[in-house]
Amino acid sequence: MTMSENNMTPHAFRVAWMLGWQDVLQAYRRSVIGPFWLTISMALIVGTMGFVFSLIFGMDIREYLPYIAGGIVLWGFISNTIVEGCNAFIAGEAMIKQLNLPLFTHVLRVVVKNVFVLLHNVIIIPAVFVIVGYPLSFTALMSVAGLIVVLANLVWVVYLVGFISARFRDLPTIVASLMSMVFYLTPVMWLSASIPEGDGKFVLGLNPFAHLLSLLRDPLLGQIPPLESWLVGIGLAIGGTALSLFVVNSRRARLPYWV
């Protein structure tokens, strides 16, 4: 058995890119429109939930639909990356035991795959803006910086949960359940402005996913994400990266035996 090094090379990046794209194609092999089934199903979810919840919350659908479109598409990207990341090393068992690839190749494979899925689904957001006549400003460009921060966090989370899941096979199920719970605690469908000042706002501020979602969605809606969200996102990226490297490096030689 060989164990790969942590350092990334251009070749490892190309391998991760190729494997991620192949994972998307494999899921829709022999399908007529391929991965765009992802976009169609996501569009149906956005349209249905936007209509229903705009009635429940008593909001103008022309204002609420862009909000929920951004929330569902971007939350799906964050959540699916983390859930699938639990199997990053388990799915790469053969390569881990036979090839001398950096461990980060398997992490980036998961992240790249979900970035491709995001690129398919994200077209729903401007389409919704056009349909309802919602203005799109230059502030939307700030979402690129937000995406960089979010990706930095997803990489270390996938690295950590993927490594621990290889040892403890119950973790993927636990993580999937936790992400379902966090969905309702994060302003994906409901507006954070609807939370009254006080304990509710304080608890919402402790939710890191609320900050990450804000970095992605607020600029698209013409709003500048609060400084607090930038500080939380960048702080988590730095601290989480250090934590994941420490945990993995302390036990990485055992990974081939776990998978």
C-alpha atoms as a PDB file:
ATOM      1  CA  MET A   1       0.000   0.000   0.000  1.00  0.00           C
ATOM      2  CA  THR A   2       1.195   3.473  -0.794  1.00  0.00           C
ATOM      3  CA  MET A   3       0.213   6.606   0.953  1.00  0.00           C
ATOM      4  CA  SER A   4       0.045   9.914  -0.924  1.00  0.00           C
ATOM      5  CA  GLU A   5       1.511  13.160   0.216  1.00  0.00           C
ATOM      6  CA  ASN A   6      -0.519  16.200   1.184  1.00  0.00           C
ATOM      7  CA  ASN A   7       1.122  18.571  -1.280  1.00  0.00           C
ATOM      8  CA  MET A   8      -0.851  19.205  -4.444  1.00  0.00           C
ATOM      9  CA  THR A   9       0.638  19.152  -7.930  1.00  0.00           C
ATOM     10  CA  PRO A  10      -0.784  20.412 -11.256  1.00  0.00           C
ATOM     11  CA  HIS A  11      -1.274  16.763 -12.228  1.00  0.00           C
ATOM     12  CA  ALA A  12      -3.326  16.100  -9.071  1.00  0.00           C
ATOM     13  CA  PHE A  13      -5.504  19.133  -9.831  1.00  0.00           C
ATOM     14  CA  ARG A  14      -6.114  17.863 -13.357  1.00  0.00           C
ATOM     15  CA  VAL A  15      -6.990  14.409 -12.030  1.00  0.00           C
ATOM     16  CA  ALA A  16      -9.444  15.888  -9.502  1.00  0.00           C
ATOM     17  CA  TRP A  17     -10.999  18.055 -12.218  1.00  0.00           C
ATOM     18  CA  MET A  18     -11.392  15.101 -14.576  1.00  0.00           C
ATOM     19  CA  LEU A  19     -12.797  12.777 -11.902  1.00  0.00           C
ATOM     20  CA  GLY A  20     -15.270  15.401 -10.690  1.00  0.00           C
ATOM     21  CA  TRP A  21     -16.614  15.972 -14.190  1.00  0.00           C
ATOM     22  CA  GLN A  22     -16.812  12.241 -14.847  1.00  0.00           C
ATOM     23  CA  ASP A  23     -18.838  11.798 -11.650  1.00  0.00           C
ATOM     24  CA  VAL A  24     -21.402  14.272 -12.976  1.00  0.00           C
ATOM     25  CA  LEU A  25     -21.562  12.580 -16.389  1.00  0.00           C
ATOM     26  CA  GLN A  26     -21.752   9.105 -14.853  1.00  0.00           C
ATOM     27  CA  ALA A  27     -24.808  10.050 -12.821  1.00  0.00           C
ATOM     28  CA  TYR A  28     -26.687  10.898 -16.036  1.00  0.00           C
ATOM     29  CA  ARG A  29     -25.138   8.410 -18.426  1.00  0.00           C
ATOM     30  CA  ARG A  30     -27.296   7.713 -21.499  1.00  0.00           C
ATOM     31  CA  SER A  31     -29.670  10.522 -20.507  1.00  0.00           C
ATOM     32  CA  VAL A  32     -30.774  12.745 -23.395  1.00  0.00           C
ATOM     33  CA  ILE A  33     -30.087  16.082 -21.719  1.00  0.00           C
ATOM     34  CA  GLY A  34     -27.578  14.763 -19.189  1.00  0.00           C
ATOM     35  CA  PRO A  35     -26.758  16.892 -16.128  1.00  0.00           C
ATOM     36  CA  PHE A  36     -29.360  19.481 -17.094  1.00  0.00           C
ATOM     37  CA  TRP A  37     -31.896  17.199 -15.409  1.00  0.00           C
ATOM     38  CA  LEU A  38     -30.370  18.675 -12.248  1.00  0.00           C
ATOM     39  CA  THR A  39     -31.354  22.148 -13.403  1.00  0.00           C
ATOM     40  CA  ILE A  40     -34.872  21.126 -14.375  1.00  0.00           C
ATOM     41  CA  SER A  41     -35.569  19.394 -11.053  1.00  0.00           C
ATOM     42  CA  MET A  42     -34.082  22.309  -9.103  1.00  0.00           C
ATOM     43  CA  ALA A  43     -36.158  24.810 -11.103  1.00  0.00           C
ATOM     44  CA  LEU A  44     -39.340  22.874 -10.301  1.00  0.00           C
ATOM     45  CA  ILE A  45     -38.452  22.873  -6.592  1.00  0.00           C
ATOM     46  CA  VAL A  46     -37.728  26.616  -6.618  1.00  0.00           C
ATOM     47  CA  GLY A  47     -40.947  27.442  -8.466  1.00  0.00           C
ATOM     48  CA  THR A  48     -43.146  25.250  -6.278  1.00  0.00           C
ATOM     49  CA  MET A  49     -41.645  26.295  -2.954  1.00  0.00           C
ATOM     50  CA  GLY A  50     -41.511  29.938  -3.996  1.00  0.00           C
ATOM     51  CA  PHE A  51     -45.214  29.961  -4.811  1.00  0.00           C
ATOM     52  CA  VAL A  52     -46.295  28.038  -1.689  1.00  0.00           C
ATOM     53  CA  PHE A  53     -44.148  29.893   0.840  1.00  0.00           C
ATOM     54  CA  SER A  54     -44.885  33.305  -0.632  1.00  0.00           C
ATOM     55  CA  LEU A  55     -48.528  32.570   0.207  1.00  0.00           C
ATOM     56  CA  ILE A  56     -47.659  31.252   3.667  1.00  0.00           C
ATOM     57  CA  PHE A  57     -45.473  34.259   4.522  1.00  0.00           C
ATOM     58  CA  GLY A  58     -47.795  36.706   2.792  1.00  0.00           C
ATOM     59  CA  MET A  59     -45.006  38.098   0.590  1.00  0.00           C
ATOM     60  CA  ASP A  60     -44.967  39.451  -2.930  1.00  0.00           C
ATOM     61  CA  ILE A  61     -43.742  36.559  -5.068  1.00  0.00           C
ATOM     62  CA  ARG A  62     -41.747  38.994  -7.239  1.00  0.00           C
ATOM     63  CA  GLU A  63     -39.592  39.776  -4.210  1.00  0.00           C
ATOM     64  CA  TYR A  64     -39.663  36.410  -2.509  1.00  0.00           C
ATOM     65  CA  LEU A  65     -38.941  34.177  -5.520  1.00  0.00           C
ATOM     66  CA  PRO A  66     -35.427  35.615  -6.149  1.00  0.00           C
ATOM     67  CA  TYR A  67     -34.687  35.233  -2.434  1.00  0.00           C
ATOM     68  CA  ILE A  68     -35.722  31.593  -2.236  1.00  0.00           C
ATOM     69  CA  ALA A  69     -34.155  30.775  -5.619  1.00  0.00           C
ATOM     70  CA  GLY A  70     -30.787  31.951  -4.349  1.00  0.00           C
ATOM     71  CA  GLY A  71     -31.320  30.221  -1.030  1.00  0.00           C
ATOM     72  CA  ILE A  72     -32.248  26.798  -2.386  1.00  0.00           C
ATOM     73  CA  VAL A  73     -29.648  26.682  -5.171  1.00  0.00           C
ATOM     74  CA  LEU A  74     -26.774  27.894  -2.998  1.00  0.00           C
ATOM     75  CA  TRP A  75     -27.775  25.872   0.063  1.00  0.00           C
ATOM     76  CA  GLY A  76     -27.994  22.772  -2.119  1.00  0.00           C
ATOM     77  CA  PHE A  77     -24.406  23.373  -3.198  1.00  0.00           C
ATOM     78  CA  ILE A  78     -23.135  23.747   0.371  1.00  0.00           C
ATOM     79  CA  SER A  79     -25.156  20.883   1.833  1.00  0.00           C
ATOM     80  CA  ASN A  80     -24.562  18.359  -0.949  1.00  0.00           C
ATOM     81  CA  THR A  81     -20.822  19.023  -0.952  1.00  0.00           C
ATOM     82  CA  ILE A  82     -20.563  18.299   2.769  1.00  0.00           C
ATOM     83  CA  VAL A  83     -22.816  15.228   2.687  1.00  0.00           C
ATOM     84  CA  GLU A  84     -21.023  13.721  -0.314  1.00  0.00           C
ATOM     85  CA  GLY A  85     -17.697  14.701   1.222  1.00  0.00           C
ATOM     86  CA  CYS A  86     -18.223  12.106   3.938  1.00  0.00           C
ATOM     87  CA  ASN A  87     -17.529   9.436   1.304  1.00  0.00           C
ATOM     88  CA  ALA A  88     -14.583  11.230  -0.309  1.00  0.00           C
ATOM     89  CA  PHE A  89     -11.979   8.715   0.838  1.00  0.00           C
ATOM     90  CA  ILE A  90     -14.297   5.725   1.014  1.00  0.00           C
ATOM     91  CA  ALA A  91     -15.166   6.150  -2.675  1.00  0.00           C
ATOM     92  CA  GLY A  92     -11.494   6.576  -3.515  1.00  0.00           C
ATOM     93  CA  GLU A  93     -10.436   3.325  -1.839  1.00  0.00           C
ATOM     94  CA  ALA A  94      -8.860   1.784  -4.934  1.00  0.00           C
ATOM     95  CA  MET A  95      -6.815   4.869  -5.795  1.00  0.00           C
ATOM     96  CA  ILE A  96      -5.702   5.399  -2.205  1.00  0.00           C
ATOM     97  CA  LYS A  97      -4.340   1.842  -2.017  1.00  0.00           C
ATOM     98  CA  GLN A  98      -2.823   1.667  -5.484  1.00  0.00           C
ATOM     99  CA  LEU A  99      -1.848   5.179  -6.610  1.00  0.00           C
ATOM    100  CA  ASN A 100       0.454   7.768  -5.107  1.00  0.00           C
ATOM    101  CA  LEU A 101      -1.966  10.702  -5.310  1.00  0.00           C
ATOM    102  CA  PRO A 102      -2.221  13.478  -2.704  1.00  0.00           C
ATOM    103  CA  LEU A 103      -5.176  13.009  -0.359  1.00  0.00           C
ATOM    104  CA  PHE A 104      -6.476  16.389  -1.420  1.00  0.00           C
ATOM    105  CA  THR A 105      -7.200  14.898  -4.855  1.00  0.00           C
ATOM    106  CA  HIS A 106     -10.142  13.000  -3.377  1.00  0.00           C
ATOM    107  CA  VAL A 107     -11.339  16.100  -1.532  1.00  0.00           C
ATOM    108  CA  LEU A 108     -11.162  18.260  -4.640  1.00  0.00           C
ATOM    109  CA  ARG A 109     -12.942  15.561  -6.631  1.00  0.00           C
ATOM    110  CA  VAL A 110     -16.020  16.031  -4.459  1.00  0.00           C
ATOM    111  CA  VAL A 111     -15.777  19.830  -4.469  1.00  0.00           C
ATOM    112  CA  VAL A 112     -15.227  20.027  -8.233  1.00  0.00           C
ATOM    113  CA  LYS A 113     -18.191  17.753  -8.924  1.00  0.00           C
ATOM    114  CA  ASN A 114     -20.480  19.961  -6.872  1.00  0.00           C
ATOM    115  CA  VAL A 115     -19.089  23.128  -8.468  1.00  0.00           C
ATOM    116  CA  PHE A 116     -20.087  21.678 -11.850  1.00  0.00           C
ATOM    117  CA  VAL A 117     -23.554  20.969 -10.464  1.00  0.00           C
ATOM    118  CA  LEU A 118     -23.715  24.534  -9.123  1.00  0.00           C
ATOM    119  CA  LEU A 119     -22.796  25.909 -12.560  1.00  0.00           C
ATOM    120  CA  HIS A 120     -25.750  24.010 -14.009  1.00  0.00           C
ATOM    121  CA  ASN A 121     -28.174  25.138 -11.321  1.00  0.00           C
ATOM    122  CA  VAL A 122     -27.039  28.733 -10.868  1.00  0.00           C
ATOM    123  CA  ILE A 123     -28.607  29.734 -14.200  1.00  0.00           C
ATOM    124  CA  ILE A 124     -31.944  29.415 -12.422  1.00  0.00           C
ATOM    125  CA  ILE A 125     -31.199  32.543 -10.390  1.00  0.00           C
ATOM    126  CA  PRO A 126     -30.784  35.060 -13.256  1.00  0.00           C
ATOM    127  CA  ALA A 127     -33.673  33.354 -15.052  1.00  0.00           C
ATOM    128  CA  VAL A 128     -35.899  34.023 -12.042  1.00  0.00           C
ATOM    129  CA  PHE A 129     -34.651  37.625 -11.883  1.00  0.00           C
ATOM    130  CA  VAL A 130     -35.630  38.149 -15.516  1.00  0.00           C
ATOM    131  CA  ILE A 131     -39.035  36.484 -15.129  1.00  0.00           C
ATOM    132  CA  VAL A 132     -40.087  38.570 -12.119  1.00  0.00           C
ATOM    133  CA  GLY A 133     -38.266  41.732 -13.238  1.00  0.00           C
ATOM    134  CA  TYR A 134     -35.896  41.837 -10.270  1.00  0.00           C
ATOM    135  CA  PRO A 135     -32.904  44.156 -10.856  1.00  0.00           C
ATOM    136  CA  LEU A 136     -29.397  42.688 -10.905  1.00  0.00           C
ATOM    137  CA  SER A 137     -26.704  45.164  -9.858  1.00  0.00           C
ATOM    138  CA  PHE A 138     -22.907  45.188  -9.982  1.00  0.00           C
ATOM    139  CA  THR A 139     -22.988  44.215  -6.311  1.00  0.00           C
ATOM    140  CA  ALA A 140     -23.603  40.673  -7.565  1.00  0.00           C
ATOM    141  CA  LEU A 141     -19.916  40.479  -8.504  1.00  0.00           C
ATOM    142  CA  MET A 142     -19.112  40.423  -4.786  1.00  0.00           C
ATOM    143  CA  SER A 143     -20.591  36.918  -4.684  1.00  0.00           C
ATOM    144  CA  VAL A 144     -17.409  35.723  -6.441  1.00  0.00           C
ATOM    145  CA  ALA A 145     -15.388  36.722  -3.365  1.00  0.00           C
ATOM    146  CA  GLY A 146     -18.034  35.046  -1.219  1.00  0.00           C
ATOM    147  CA  LEU A 147     -17.717  31.871  -3.278  1.00  0.00           C
ATOM    148  CA  ILE A 148     -13.962  31.792  -2.678  1.00  0.00           C
ATOM    149  CA  VAL A 149     -14.520  31.980   1.080  1.00  0.00           C
ATOM    150  CA  VAL A 150     -17.214  29.298   0.935  1.00  0.00           C
ATOM    151  CA  LEU A 151     -15.019  26.989  -1.160  1.00  0.00           C
ATOM    152  CA  ALA A 152     -12.146  27.426   1.299  1.00  0.00           C
ATOM    153  CA  ASN A 153     -14.475  26.253   4.058  1.00  0.00           C
ATOM    154  CA  LEU A 154     -15.947  23.370   2.081  1.00  0.00           C
ATOM    155  CA  VAL A 155     -12.486  22.011   1.302  1.00  0.00           C
ATOM    156  CA  TRP A 156     -11.462  21.692   4.942  1.00  0.00           C
ATOM    157  CA  VAL A 157     -14.872  20.368   6.004  1.00  0.00           C
ATOM    158  CA  VAL A 158     -14.805  17.657   3.312  1.00  0.00           C
ATOM    159  CA  TYR A 159     -11.203  16.814   4.225  1.00  0.00           C
ATOM    160  CA  LEU A 160     -12.127  16.414   7.891  1.00  0.00           C
ATOM    161  CA  VAL A 161     -15.486  14.621   7.650  1.00  0.00           C
ATOM    162  CA  GLY A 162     -14.214  12.423   4.819  1.00  0.00           C
ATOM    163  CA  PHE A 163     -11.246  11.299   6.893  1.00  0.00           C
ATOM    164  CA  ILE A 164     -13.276  10.663  10.056  1.00  0.00           C
ATOM    165  CA  SER A 165     -15.993   8.878   8.057  1.00  0.00           C
ATOM    166  CA  ALA A 166     -13.403   6.436   6.742  1.00  0.00           C
ATOM    167  CA  ARG A 167     -12.854   5.338  10.348  1.00  0.00           C
ATOM    168  CA  PHE A 168     -16.394   5.702  11.678  1.00  0.00           C
ATOM    169  CA  ARG A 169     -18.936   4.650   9.051  1.00  0.00           C
ATOM    170  CA  ASP A 170     -21.893   6.020  11.031  1.00  0.00           C
ATOM    171  CA  LEU A 171     -20.740   9.584  10.454  1.00  0.00           C
ATOM    172  CA  PRO A 172     -22.157  10.025   6.908  1.00  0.00           C
ATOM    173  CA  THR A 173     -25.658   9.239   8.186  1.00  0.00           C
ATOM    174  CA  ILE A 174     -25.182  11.567  11.152  1.00  0.00           C
ATOM    175  CA  VAL A 175     -23.925  14.388   8.944  1.00  0.00           C
ATOM    176  CA  ALA A 176     -26.828  13.969   6.496  1.00  0.00           C
ATOM    177  CA  SER A 177     -29.305  14.190   9.377  1.00  0.00           C
ATOM    178  CA  LEU A 178     -27.559  17.230  10.850  1.00  0.00           C
ATOM    179  CA  MET A 179     -27.575  19.045   7.512  1.00  0.00           C
ATOM    180  CA  SER A 180     -31.315  18.410   7.195  1.00  0.00           C
ATOM    181  CA  MET A 181     -31.797  19.939  10.646  1.00  0.00           C
ATOM    182  CA  VAL A 182     -29.512  22.901   9.930  1.00  0.00           C
ATOM    183  CA  PHE A 183     -31.549  23.632   6.788  1.00  0.00           C
ATOM    184  CA  TYR A 184     -34.467  24.722   8.964  1.00  0.00           C
ATOM    185  CA  LEU A 185     -32.190  26.733  11.256  1.00  0.00           C
ATOM    186  CA  THR A 186     -30.677  28.649   8.342  1.00  0.00           C
ATOM    187  CA  PRO A 187     -32.505  31.455   6.487  1.00  0.00           C
ATOM    188  CA  VAL A 188     -32.852  29.526   3.246  1.00  0.00           C
ATOM    189  CA  MET A 189     -36.617  29.947   2.896  1.00  0.00           C
ATOM    190  CA  TRP A 190     -37.388  32.350   5.726  1.00  0.00           C
ATOM    191  CA  LEU A 191     -36.000  35.864   6.043  1.00  0.00           C
ATOM    192  CA  SER A 192     -33.426  36.600   8.735  1.00  0.00           C
ATOM    193  CA  ALA A 193     -35.026  40.052   9.066  1.00  0.00           C
ATOM    194  CA  SER A 194     -38.136  38.333  10.418  1.00  0.00           C
ATOM    195  CA  ILE A 195     -36.217  37.268  13.537  1.00  0.00           C
ATOM    196  CA  PRO A 196     -36.789  39.846  16.324  1.00  0.00           C
ATOM    197  CA  GLU A 197     -33.826  41.455  18.019  1.00  0.00           C
ATOM    198  CA  GLY A 198     -32.608  39.643  21.114  1.00  0.00           C
ATOM    199  CA  ASP A 199     -31.859  35.989  21.749  1.00  0.00           C
ATOM    200  CA  GLY A 200     -33.145  34.931  18.338  1.00  0.00           C
ATOM    201  CA  LYS A 201     -30.706  37.195  16.500  1.00  0.00           C
ATOM    202  CA  PHE A 202     -27.902  36.059  18.775  1.00  0.00           C
ATOM    203  CA  VAL A 203     -28.575  32.377  18.056  1.00  0.00           C
ATOM    204  CA  LEU A 204     -28.814  33.075  14.316  1.00  0.00           C
ATOM    205  CA  GLY A 205     -25.435  34.811  14.503  1.00  0.00           C
ATOM    206  CA  LEU A 206     -23.923  31.592  15.878  1.00  0.00           C
ATOM    207  CA  ASN A 207     -24.987  29.636  12.798  1.00  0.00           C
ATOM    208  CA  PRO A 208     -21.950  29.559  10.464  1.00  0.00           C
ATOM    209  CA  PHE A 209     -24.081  28.369   7.548  1.00  0.00           C
ATOM    210  CA  ALA A 210     -26.194  31.517   7.789  1.00  0.00           C
ATOM    211  CA  HIS A 211     -23.034  33.588   7.325  1.00  0.00           C
ATOM    212  CA  LEU A 212     -21.756  31.492   4.422  1.00  0.00           C
ATOM    213  CA  LEU A 213     -25.117  31.659   2.682  1.00  0.00           C
ATOM    214  CA  SER A 214     -25.181  35.418   3.216  1.00  0.00           C
ATOM    215  CA  LEU A 215     -21.800  35.786   1.485  1.00  0.00           C
ATOM    216  CA  LEU A 216     -23.205  34.067  -1.592  1.00  0.00           C
ATOM    217  CA  ARG A 217     -26.807  35.286  -1.769  1.00  0.00           C
ATOM    218  CA  ASP A 218     -26.770  38.862  -0.454  1.00  0.00           C
ATOM    219  CA  PRO A 219     -24.687  40.275  -3.344  1.00  0.00           C
ATOM    220  CA  LEU A 220     -27.016  38.656  -5.878  1.00  0.00           C
ATOM    221  CA  LEU A 221     -29.916  40.468  -4.214  1.00  0.00           C
ATOM    222  CA  GLY A 222     -28.071  43.778  -4.392  1.00  0.00           C
ATOM    223  CA  GLN A 223     -27.034  43.759  -0.739  1.00  0.00           C
ATOM    224  CA  ILE A 224     -23.559  43.922   0.766  1.00  0.00           C
ATOM    225  CA  PRO A 225     -22.953  41.028   3.189  1.00  0.00           C
ATOM    226  CA  PRO A 226     -22.374  42.211   6.765  1.00  0.00           C
ATOM    227  CA  LEU A 227     -18.796  42.471   7.994  1.00  0.00           C
ATOM    228  CA  GLU A 228     -19.609  39.853  10.621  1.00  0.00           C
ATOM    229  CA  SER A 229     -20.267  37.269   7.901  1.00  0.00           C
ATOM    230  CA  TRP A 230     -16.928  38.000   6.220  1.00  0.00           C
ATOM    231  CA  LEU A 231     -15.075  37.690   9.512  1.00  0.00           C
ATOM    232  CA  VAL A 232     -16.836  34.432  10.415  1.00  0.00           C
ATOM    233  CA  GLY A 233     -16.269  32.940   6.962  1.00  0.00           C
ATOM    234  CA  ILE A 234     -12.581  33.846   6.780  1.00  0.00           C
ATOM    235  CA  GLY A 235     -11.967  32.910  10.419  1.00  0.00           C
ATOM    236  CA  LEU A 236     -13.584  29.503   9.929  1.00  0.00           C
ATOM    237  CA  ALA A 237     -11.531  28.898   6.794  1.00  0.00           C
ATOM    238  CA  ILE A 238      -8.266  29.582   8.613  1.00  0.00           C
ATOM    239  CA  GLY A 239      -9.119  27.776  11.849  1.00  0.00           C
ATOM    240  CA  GLY A 240     -10.838  24.861  10.131  1.00  0.00           C
ATOM    241  CA  THR A 241      -7.958  24.315   7.728  1.00  0.00           C
ATOM    242  CA  ALA A 242      -5.505  24.174  10.616  1.00  0.00           C
ATOM    243  CA  LEU A 243      -7.757  21.739  12.506  1.00  0.00           C
ATOM    244  CA  SER A 244      -8.296  19.415   9.545  1.00  0.00           C
ATOM    245  CA  LEU A 245      -4.587  19.299   8.703  1.00  0.00           C
ATOM    246  CA  PHE A 246      -3.733  18.501  12.308  1.00  0.00           C
ATOM    247  CA  VAL A 247      -6.312  15.705  12.587  1.00  0.00           C
ATOM    248  CA  VAL A 248      -5.502  14.113   9.223  1.00  0.00           C
ATOM    249  CA  ASN A 249      -1.730  14.362   9.542  1.00  0.00           C
ATOM    250  CA  SER A 250      -1.812  12.719  12.964  1.00  0.00           C
ATOM    251  CA  ARG A 251      -3.523   9.557  11.636  1.00  0.00           C
ATOM    252  CA  ARG A 252      -3.120   9.643   7.856  1.00  0.00           C
ATOM    253  CA  ALA A 253      -0.919   6.513   7.714  1.00  0.00           C
ATOM    254  CA  ARG A 254      -3.894   4.452   8.895  1.00  0.00           C
ATOM    255  CA  LEU A 255      -6.259   5.595   6.147  1.00  0.00           C
ATOM    256  CA  PRO A 256      -5.531   2.714   3.711  1.00  0.00           C
ATOM    257  CA  TYR A 257      -6.495   0.238   6.437  1.00  0.00           C
ATOM    258  CA  TRP A 258      -9.724   2.080   7.223  1.00  0.00           C
ATOM    259  CA  VAL A 259     -11.053   2.252   3.694  1.00  0.00           C
END
